[in-house]
Amino acid sequence: CISAGNTGALMAMARFVLKMLPGVDRPAIVQELPSMRGSTVMLDLGANSECRPEHLVQFAVMGSVLAEASGIKSPTVALLNIGSEEVKGNDLVRQAAEELRQSSINYYGYVEGNDIYEGTVDVVVCDGFVGNVALKTSEGIARMISQVMREEFTQGLGSKVAALAATPVLNRIRARIDHRRYNGASLLGLRGTVIKSHGSADQLAFGYALQAGLLESSRHVPEQIGEQVLALLQEHDE
């Protein structure tokens, strides 16, 4: 299912119709974000404002499977924190970190907000409250930079001439960070593929959402998540 409708309604219907995968407590909203090294998979971006440590561990499995489906071998997974030191963070993050250290996931450790776009790791995990704030802050900064550049390049004749000369470079920059290329947030943890497109997506953006759905379906991402979550539960029991 690929929809540009209301996120809450889509989430509720998806859970009712598809149900959750065995071993997965909650679905997570995940999306690829542009980084200096390509892209970074980040979750949860707003589905779960309050989480328990085991939820973050499940999110780590989901993000790792999605990154592998995108062609990354043994993706590195990190927890978003206020510092990289092991003593930093609240109880939720520290307890989740302890569980991830004992798992088969390629756990990197803690990363900070700047690491998301530096591409320090392949997958960044956090609760939905933190993830949504980070995402919306990033979107606001991107719009501000775009607006400032537009204003400065139109200030006087000299700036307009410079803008004309810099057009090829500006077009390449715009293409690299074009938010439409990253349209299509996955609702992972369900017994099927569900993609949430932005409500204002144009034809190009919705095309990328379709590609995301095709990738997850063809690579059997839901099935792989189910298998790896059950394997993780067995490791925990042992």
C-alpha atoms as a PDB file:
ATOM      1  CA  CYS A   1       0.000   0.000   0.000  1.00  0.00           C
ATOM      2  CA  ILE A   2       1.292   3.442  -0.922  1.00  0.00           C
ATOM      3  CA  SER A   3      -0.683   6.436   0.304  1.00  0.00           C
ATOM      4  CA  ALA A   4      -0.353  10.211   0.482  1.00  0.00           C
ATOM      5  CA  GLY A   5      -3.228  10.424   2.950  1.00  0.00           C
ATOM      6  CA  ASN A   6      -3.366  11.057   6.680  1.00  0.00           C
ATOM      7  CA  THR A   7      -0.526   9.319   8.533  1.00  0.00           C
ATOM      8  CA  GLY A   8      -2.551   8.458  11.626  1.00  0.00           C
ATOM      9  CA  ALA A   9      -5.395   6.957   9.596  1.00  0.00           C
ATOM     10  CA  LEU A  10      -2.974   4.967   7.437  1.00  0.00           C
ATOM     11  CA  MET A  11      -1.184   3.627  10.507  1.00  0.00           C
ATOM     12  CA  ALA A  12      -4.449   2.624  12.194  1.00  0.00           C
ATOM     13  CA  MET A  13      -5.809   0.874   9.097  1.00  0.00           C
ATOM     14  CA  ALA A  14      -2.502  -0.866   8.405  1.00  0.00           C
ATOM     15  CA  ARG A  15      -2.343  -2.280  11.925  1.00  0.00           C
ATOM     16  CA  PHE A  16      -5.989  -3.371  11.761  1.00  0.00           C
ATOM     17  CA  VAL A  17      -5.805  -4.999   8.329  1.00  0.00           C
ATOM     18  CA  LEU A  18      -2.245  -6.365   8.187  1.00  0.00           C
ATOM     19  CA  LYS A  19      -1.503  -6.920  11.901  1.00  0.00           C
ATOM     20  CA  MET A  20       1.964  -6.821  13.448  1.00  0.00           C
ATOM     21  CA  LEU A  21       4.735  -9.283  12.704  1.00  0.00           C
ATOM     22  CA  PRO A  22       5.342 -11.896  15.432  1.00  0.00           C
ATOM     23  CA  GLY A  23       7.744 -10.495  17.999  1.00  0.00           C
ATOM     24  CA  VAL A  24       7.219  -6.880  16.912  1.00  0.00           C
ATOM     25  CA  ASP A  25       5.301  -4.749  19.409  1.00  0.00           C
ATOM     26  CA  ARG A  26       4.930  -1.506  17.454  1.00  0.00           C
ATOM     27  CA  PRO A  27       5.355  -0.265  13.896  1.00  0.00           C
ATOM     28  CA  ALA A  28       7.963   2.398  13.206  1.00  0.00           C
ATOM     29  CA  ILE A  29       8.139   5.166  10.625  1.00  0.00           C
ATOM     30  CA  VAL A  30      11.470   4.962   8.811  1.00  0.00           C
ATOM     31  CA  GLN A  31      12.984   7.020   6.029  1.00  0.00           C
ATOM     32  CA  GLU A  32      16.269   7.429   4.211  1.00  0.00           C
ATOM     33  CA  LEU A  33      17.809  10.865   4.737  1.00  0.00           C
ATOM     34  CA  PRO A  34      20.581  12.392   2.613  1.00  0.00           C
ATOM     35  CA  SER A  35      24.075  12.356   4.106  1.00  0.00           C
ATOM     36  CA  MET A  36      27.620  13.223   3.067  1.00  0.00           C
ATOM     37  CA  ARG A  37      28.227   9.536   2.308  1.00  0.00           C
ATOM     38  CA  GLY A  38      24.965   8.820   0.522  1.00  0.00           C
ATOM     39  CA  SER A  39      22.021   8.296   2.834  1.00  0.00           C
ATOM     40  CA  THR A  40      21.163   7.335   6.412  1.00  0.00           C
ATOM     41  CA  VAL A  41      18.206   5.192   7.452  1.00  0.00           C
ATOM     42  CA  MET A  42      16.498   6.751  10.482  1.00  0.00           C
ATOM     43  CA  LEU A  43      13.664   5.515  12.699  1.00  0.00           C
ATOM     44  CA  ASP A  44      11.312   6.026  14.470  1.00  0.00           C
ATOM     45  CA  LEU A  45      10.191   9.339  12.982  1.00  0.00           C
ATOM     46  CA  GLY A  46       6.957   9.821  14.869  1.00  0.00           C
ATOM     47  CA  ALA A  47       4.897   6.675  15.317  1.00  0.00           C
ATOM     48  CA  ASN A  48       5.885   6.043  18.963  1.00  0.00           C
ATOM     49  CA  SER A  49       6.496   9.024  21.218  1.00  0.00           C
ATOM     50  CA  GLU A  50       7.115   6.765  24.225  1.00  0.00           C
ATOM     51  CA  CYS A  51       9.153   3.580  23.959  1.00  0.00           C
ATOM     52  CA  ARG A  52      10.700   0.823  26.029  1.00  0.00           C
ATOM     53  CA  PRO A  53      14.257  -0.472  25.450  1.00  0.00           C
ATOM     54  CA  GLU A  54      13.002  -3.559  23.609  1.00  0.00           C
ATOM     55  CA  HIS A  55      11.171  -1.305  21.157  1.00  0.00           C
ATOM     56  CA  LEU A  56      14.403   0.456  20.205  1.00  0.00           C
ATOM     57  CA  VAL A  57      16.051  -2.932  19.725  1.00  0.00           C
ATOM     58  CA  GLN A  58      13.230  -3.976  17.402  1.00  0.00           C
ATOM     59  CA  PHE A  59      13.609  -0.689  15.510  1.00  0.00           C
ATOM     60  CA  ALA A  60      17.316  -1.463  15.124  1.00  0.00           C
ATOM     61  CA  VAL A  61      16.460  -4.800  13.501  1.00  0.00           C
ATOM     62  CA  MET A  62      13.947  -3.134  11.155  1.00  0.00           C
ATOM     63  CA  GLY A  63      16.382  -0.433  10.080  1.00  0.00           C
ATOM     64  CA  SER A  64      19.182  -2.927   9.565  1.00  0.00           C
ATOM     65  CA  VAL A  65      17.008  -5.134   7.333  1.00  0.00           C
ATOM     66  CA  LEU A  66      15.887  -2.136   5.255  1.00  0.00           C
ATOM     67  CA  ALA A  67      19.482  -0.954   4.835  1.00  0.00           C
ATOM     68  CA  GLU A  68      20.517  -4.439   3.715  1.00  0.00           C
ATOM     69  CA  ALA A  69      17.659  -4.472   1.192  1.00  0.00           C
ATOM     70  CA  SER A  70      19.088  -1.224  -0.214  1.00  0.00           C
ATOM     71  CA  GLY A  71      22.407  -2.955  -0.874  1.00  0.00           C
ATOM     72  CA  ILE A  72      24.410  -2.251   2.298  1.00  0.00           C
ATOM     73  CA  LYS A  73      26.232  -5.294   3.673  1.00  0.00           C
ATOM     74  CA  SER A  74      26.298  -5.607   7.468  1.00  0.00           C
ATOM     75  CA  PRO A  75      24.954  -2.053   8.066  1.00  0.00           C
ATOM     76  CA  THR A  76      26.174  -0.225  11.148  1.00  0.00           C
ATOM     77  CA  VAL A  77      23.447   0.680  13.635  1.00  0.00           C
ATOM     78  CA  ALA A  78      23.619   3.408  16.291  1.00  0.00           C
ATOM     79  CA  LEU A  79      21.401   4.948  18.946  1.00  0.00           C
ATOM     80  CA  LEU A  80      20.783   8.703  18.759  1.00  0.00           C
ATOM     81  CA  ASN A  81      22.007  10.292  21.981  1.00  0.00           C
ATOM     82  CA  ILE A  82      23.196  13.574  23.477  1.00  0.00           C
ATOM     83  CA  GLY A  83      26.790  12.371  23.408  1.00  0.00           C
ATOM     84  CA  SER A  84      28.929   9.485  22.202  1.00  0.00           C
ATOM     85  CA  GLU A  85      30.194   8.524  25.658  1.00  0.00           C
ATOM     86  CA  GLU A  86      28.669   5.402  27.208  1.00  0.00           C
ATOM     87  CA  VAL A  87      27.656   7.299  30.365  1.00  0.00           C
ATOM     88  CA  LYS A  88      25.516   9.761  28.385  1.00  0.00           C
ATOM     89  CA  GLY A  89      21.778   9.454  27.805  1.00  0.00           C
ATOM     90  CA  ASN A  90      18.661   8.482  29.726  1.00  0.00           C
ATOM     91  CA  ASP A  91      17.713   5.046  31.042  1.00  0.00           C
ATOM     92  CA  LEU A  92      15.848   4.176  27.838  1.00  0.00           C
ATOM     93  CA  VAL A  93      18.890   4.676  25.623  1.00  0.00           C
ATOM     94  CA  ARG A  94      21.383   3.063  28.007  1.00  0.00           C
ATOM     95  CA  GLN A  95      19.254  -0.049  28.516  1.00  0.00           C
ATOM     96  CA  ALA A  96      18.664  -0.394  24.769  1.00  0.00           C
ATOM     97  CA  ALA A  97      22.414  -0.022  24.187  1.00  0.00           C
ATOM     98  CA  GLU A  98      23.139  -2.864  26.602  1.00  0.00           C
ATOM     99  CA  GLU A  99      20.733  -5.163  24.755  1.00  0.00           C
ATOM    100  CA  LEU A 100      22.153  -4.202  21.357  1.00  0.00           C
ATOM    101  CA  ARG A 101      25.720  -4.922  22.509  1.00  0.00           C
ATOM    102  CA  GLN A 102      24.668  -8.476  23.289  1.00  0.00           C
ATOM    103  CA  SER A 103      22.832  -8.981  19.987  1.00  0.00           C
ATOM    104  CA  SER A 104      24.038 -10.060  16.537  1.00  0.00           C
ATOM    105  CA  ILE A 105      23.276  -6.583  15.133  1.00  0.00           C
ATOM    106  CA  ASN A 106      26.313  -4.622  13.907  1.00  0.00           C
ATOM    107  CA  TYR A 107      25.975  -2.115  16.744  1.00  0.00           C
ATOM    108  CA  TYR A 108      28.193   0.968  16.489  1.00  0.00           C
ATOM    109  CA  GLY A 109      27.302   2.770  19.719  1.00  0.00           C
ATOM    110  CA  TYR A 110      25.918   6.264  20.315  1.00  0.00           C
ATOM    111  CA  VAL A 111      25.808   9.037  17.736  1.00  0.00           C
ATOM    112  CA  GLU A 112      24.713  12.669  17.962  1.00  0.00           C
ATOM    113  CA  GLY A 113      22.435  14.684  15.713  1.00  0.00           C
ATOM    114  CA  ASN A 114      25.221  15.890  13.422  1.00  0.00           C
ATOM    115  CA  ASP A 115      26.170  12.276  12.650  1.00  0.00           C
ATOM    116  CA  ILE A 116      22.857  11.738  10.850  1.00  0.00           C
ATOM    117  CA  TYR A 117      23.905  13.910   7.923  1.00  0.00           C
ATOM    118  CA  GLU A 118      27.614  13.178   8.159  1.00  0.00           C
ATOM    119  CA  GLY A 119      26.816   9.543   7.393  1.00  0.00           C
ATOM    120  CA  THR A 120      28.715   8.190  10.396  1.00  0.00           C
ATOM    121  CA  VAL A 121      26.529   5.068  10.456  1.00  0.00           C
ATOM    122  CA  ASP A 122      24.027   3.422   8.134  1.00  0.00           C
ATOM    123  CA  VAL A 123      21.090   3.302  10.580  1.00  0.00           C
ATOM    124  CA  VAL A 124      20.151   5.732  13.366  1.00  0.00           C
ATOM    125  CA  VAL A 125      17.607   4.593  15.961  1.00  0.00           C
ATOM    126  CA  CYS A 126      15.585   6.704  18.402  1.00  0.00           C
ATOM    127  CA  ASP A 127      12.082   6.988  19.834  1.00  0.00           C
ATOM    128  CA  GLY A 128       9.396   8.714  17.782  1.00  0.00           C
ATOM    129  CA  PHE A 129       9.399  11.917  19.836  1.00  0.00           C
ATOM    130  CA  VAL A 130      13.110  12.576  19.329  1.00  0.00           C
ATOM    131  CA  GLY A 131      13.023  11.380  15.722  1.00  0.00           C
ATOM    132  CA  ASN A 132      10.142  13.601  14.704  1.00  0.00           C
ATOM    133  CA  VAL A 133      11.693  16.680  16.324  1.00  0.00           C
ATOM    134  CA  ALA A 134      15.024  15.968  14.595  1.00  0.00           C
ATOM    135  CA  LEU A 135      13.329  15.478  11.225  1.00  0.00           C
ATOM    136  CA  LYS A 136      11.178  18.613  11.403  1.00  0.00           C
ATOM    137  CA  THR A 137      14.158  20.678  12.612  1.00  0.00           C
ATOM    138  CA  SER A 138      16.200  19.452   9.645  1.00  0.00           C
ATOM    139  CA  GLU A 139      13.416  20.314   7.220  1.00  0.00           C
ATOM    140  CA  GLY A 140      13.159  23.806   8.697  1.00  0.00           C
ATOM    141  CA  ILE A 141      16.908  24.399   8.401  1.00  0.00           C
ATOM    142  CA  ALA A 142      16.881  23.230   4.777  1.00  0.00           C
ATOM    143  CA  ARG A 143      14.057  25.637   3.907  1.00  0.00           C
ATOM    144  CA  MET A 144      15.817  28.495   5.700  1.00  0.00           C
ATOM    145  CA  ILE A 145      19.096  27.917   3.832  1.00  0.00           C
ATOM    146  CA  SER A 146      17.227  27.738   0.523  1.00  0.00           C
ATOM    147  CA  GLN A 147      15.382  30.966   1.271  1.00  0.00           C
ATOM    148  CA  VAL A 148      18.553  32.797   2.387  1.00  0.00           C
ATOM    149  CA  MET A 149      20.410  31.739  -0.767  1.00  0.00           C
ATOM    150  CA  ARG A 150      17.499  32.871  -2.941  1.00  0.00           C
ATOM    151  CA  GLU A 151      17.400  36.276  -1.211  1.00  0.00           C
ATOM    152  CA  GLU A 152      21.161  36.833  -1.397  1.00  0.00           C
ATOM    153  CA  PHE A 153      21.416  35.870  -5.073  1.00  0.00           C
ATOM    154  CA  THR A 154      18.730  38.418  -5.968  1.00  0.00           C
ATOM    155  CA  GLN A 155      20.235  41.364  -4.054  1.00  0.00           C
ATOM    156  CA  GLY A 156      21.407  43.717  -6.800  1.00  0.00           C
ATOM    157  CA  LEU A 157      22.756  43.261 -10.307  1.00  0.00           C
ATOM    158  CA  GLY A 158      26.103  41.796  -9.209  1.00  0.00           C
ATOM    159  CA  SER A 159      24.411  39.060  -7.191  1.00  0.00           C
ATOM    160  CA  LYS A 160      22.084  38.216 -10.068  1.00  0.00           C
ATOM    161  CA  VAL A 161      25.044  37.877 -12.445  1.00  0.00           C
ATOM    162  CA  ALA A 162      26.818  35.652  -9.918  1.00  0.00           C
ATOM    163  CA  ALA A 163      23.669  33.546  -9.574  1.00  0.00           C
ATOM    164  CA  LEU A 164      23.519  33.116 -13.347  1.00  0.00           C
ATOM    165  CA  ALA A 165      27.146  31.973 -13.462  1.00  0.00           C
ATOM    166  CA  ALA A 166      26.597  29.599 -10.533  1.00  0.00           C
ATOM    167  CA  THR A 167      23.392  28.090 -11.948  1.00  0.00           C
ATOM    168  CA  PRO A 168      24.940  24.719 -12.983  1.00  0.00           C
ATOM    169  CA  VAL A 169      26.471  24.240  -9.528  1.00  0.00           C
ATOM    170  CA  LEU A 170      23.291  25.306  -7.768  1.00  0.00           C
ATOM    171  CA  ASN A 171      21.274  22.876  -9.865  1.00  0.00           C
ATOM    172  CA  ARG A 172      23.588  20.013  -8.880  1.00  0.00           C
ATOM    173  CA  ILE A 173      23.329  20.964  -5.212  1.00  0.00           C
ATOM    174  CA  ARG A 174      19.547  21.155  -5.494  1.00  0.00           C
ATOM    175  CA  ALA A 175      19.436  17.712  -7.090  1.00  0.00           C
ATOM    176  CA  ARG A 176      21.560  16.145  -4.347  1.00  0.00           C
ATOM    177  CA  ILE A 177      19.432  17.459  -1.484  1.00  0.00           C
ATOM    178  CA  ASP A 178      16.047  17.502  -3.251  1.00  0.00           C
ATOM    179  CA  HIS A 179      13.591  16.277  -0.616  1.00  0.00           C
ATOM    180  CA  ARG A 180      11.461  14.710  -3.338  1.00  0.00           C
ATOM    181  CA  ARG A 181      14.158  12.072  -3.909  1.00  0.00           C
ATOM    182  CA  TYR A 182      13.656  10.876  -0.334  1.00  0.00           C
ATOM    183  CA  ASN A 183       9.874  10.817  -0.370  1.00  0.00           C
ATOM    184  CA  GLY A 184       8.232   7.677   0.938  1.00  0.00           C
ATOM    185  CA  ALA A 185       8.436   6.771   4.618  1.00  0.00           C
ATOM    186  CA  SER A 186       8.030   3.069   5.386  1.00  0.00           C
ATOM    187  CA  LEU A 187       5.779   1.751   8.143  1.00  0.00           C
ATOM    188  CA  LEU A 188       7.877  -1.193   9.258  1.00  0.00           C
ATOM    189  CA  GLY A 189       6.880  -4.017  11.576  1.00  0.00           C
ATOM    190  CA  LEU A 190       3.667  -4.908   9.733  1.00  0.00           C
ATOM    191  CA  ARG A 191       2.850  -8.111   7.840  1.00  0.00           C
ATOM    192  CA  GLY A 192       3.105  -6.258   4.549  1.00  0.00           C
ATOM    193  CA  THR A 193       4.624  -3.257   2.793  1.00  0.00           C
ATOM    194  CA  VAL A 194       3.109   0.154   3.579  1.00  0.00           C
ATOM    195  CA  ILE A 195       4.632   3.420   2.316  1.00  0.00           C
ATOM    196  CA  LYS A 196       3.541   6.895   3.439  1.00  0.00           C
ATOM    197  CA  SER A 197       4.105   9.538   0.778  1.00  0.00           C
ATOM    198  CA  HIS A 198       4.117  13.231   1.652  1.00  0.00           C
ATOM    199  CA  GLY A 199       0.692  14.768   1.138  1.00  0.00           C
ATOM    200  CA  SER A 200       2.059  17.492  -1.124  1.00  0.00           C
ATOM    201  CA  ALA A 201       4.158  15.122  -3.253  1.00  0.00           C
ATOM    202  CA  ASP A 202       4.317  15.900  -6.951  1.00  0.00           C
ATOM    203  CA  GLN A 203       4.711  13.331  -9.719  1.00  0.00           C
ATOM    204  CA  LEU A 204       8.470  12.966  -9.209  1.00  0.00           C
ATOM    205  CA  ALA A 205       8.211  12.605  -5.446  1.00  0.00           C
ATOM    206  CA  PHE A 206       5.404  10.052  -5.626  1.00  0.00           C
ATOM    207  CA  GLY A 207       7.481   8.092  -8.118  1.00  0.00           C
ATOM    208  CA  TYR A 208      10.178   7.684  -5.469  1.00  0.00           C
ATOM    209  CA  ALA A 209       7.549   6.482  -3.008  1.00  0.00           C
ATOM    210  CA  LEU A 210       6.507   3.864  -5.573  1.00  0.00           C
ATOM    211  CA  GLN A 211      10.140   2.806  -5.932  1.00  0.00           C
ATOM    212  CA  ALA A 212      10.425   2.399  -2.158  1.00  0.00           C
ATOM    213  CA  GLY A 213       7.368   0.158  -2.126  1.00  0.00           C
ATOM    214  CA  LEU A 214       8.680  -1.908  -5.024  1.00  0.00           C
ATOM    215  CA  LEU A 215      12.058  -2.352  -3.326  1.00  0.00           C
ATOM    216  CA  GLU A 216      10.579  -3.528  -0.028  1.00  0.00           C
ATOM    217  CA  SER A 217       8.131  -5.856  -1.722  1.00  0.00           C
ATOM    218  CA  SER A 218      10.661  -7.410  -4.102  1.00  0.00           C
ATOM    219  CA  ARG A 219      13.279  -7.853  -1.356  1.00  0.00           C
ATOM    220  CA  HIS A 220      10.678  -9.319   1.047  1.00  0.00           C
ATOM    221  CA  VAL A 221      11.558  -6.822   3.767  1.00  0.00           C
ATOM    222  CA  PRO A 222       8.585  -7.637   6.077  1.00  0.00           C
ATOM    223  CA  GLU A 223       9.405 -11.352   5.997  1.00  0.00           C
ATOM    224  CA  GLN A 224      13.099 -10.681   6.720  1.00  0.00           C
ATOM    225  CA  ILE A 225      12.202  -8.416   9.640  1.00  0.00           C
ATOM    226  CA  GLY A 226       9.980 -11.137  11.081  1.00  0.00           C
ATOM    227  CA  GLU A 227      12.736 -13.735  10.801  1.00  0.00           C
ATOM    228  CA  GLN A 228      15.402 -11.525  12.367  1.00  0.00           C
ATOM    229  CA  VAL A 229      13.187 -10.357  15.234  1.00  0.00           C
ATOM    230  CA  LEU A 230      12.344 -13.972  16.130  1.00  0.00           C
ATOM    231  CA  ALA A 231      16.057 -14.866  15.928  1.00  0.00           C
ATOM    232  CA  LEU A 232      16.827 -11.965  18.264  1.00  0.00           C
ATOM    233  CA  LEU A 233      14.207 -13.193  20.745  1.00  0.00           C
ATOM    234  CA  GLN A 234      15.769 -16.643  20.678  1.00  0.00           C
ATOM    235  CA  GLU A 235      19.199 -15.118  21.391  1.00  0.00           C
ATOM    236  CA  HIS A 236      17.699 -13.267  24.350  1.00  0.00           C
ATOM    237  CA  ASP A 237      16.085 -16.438  25.729  1.00  0.00           C
ATOM    238  CA  GLU A 238      19.391 -18.308  25.493  1.00  0.00           C
END
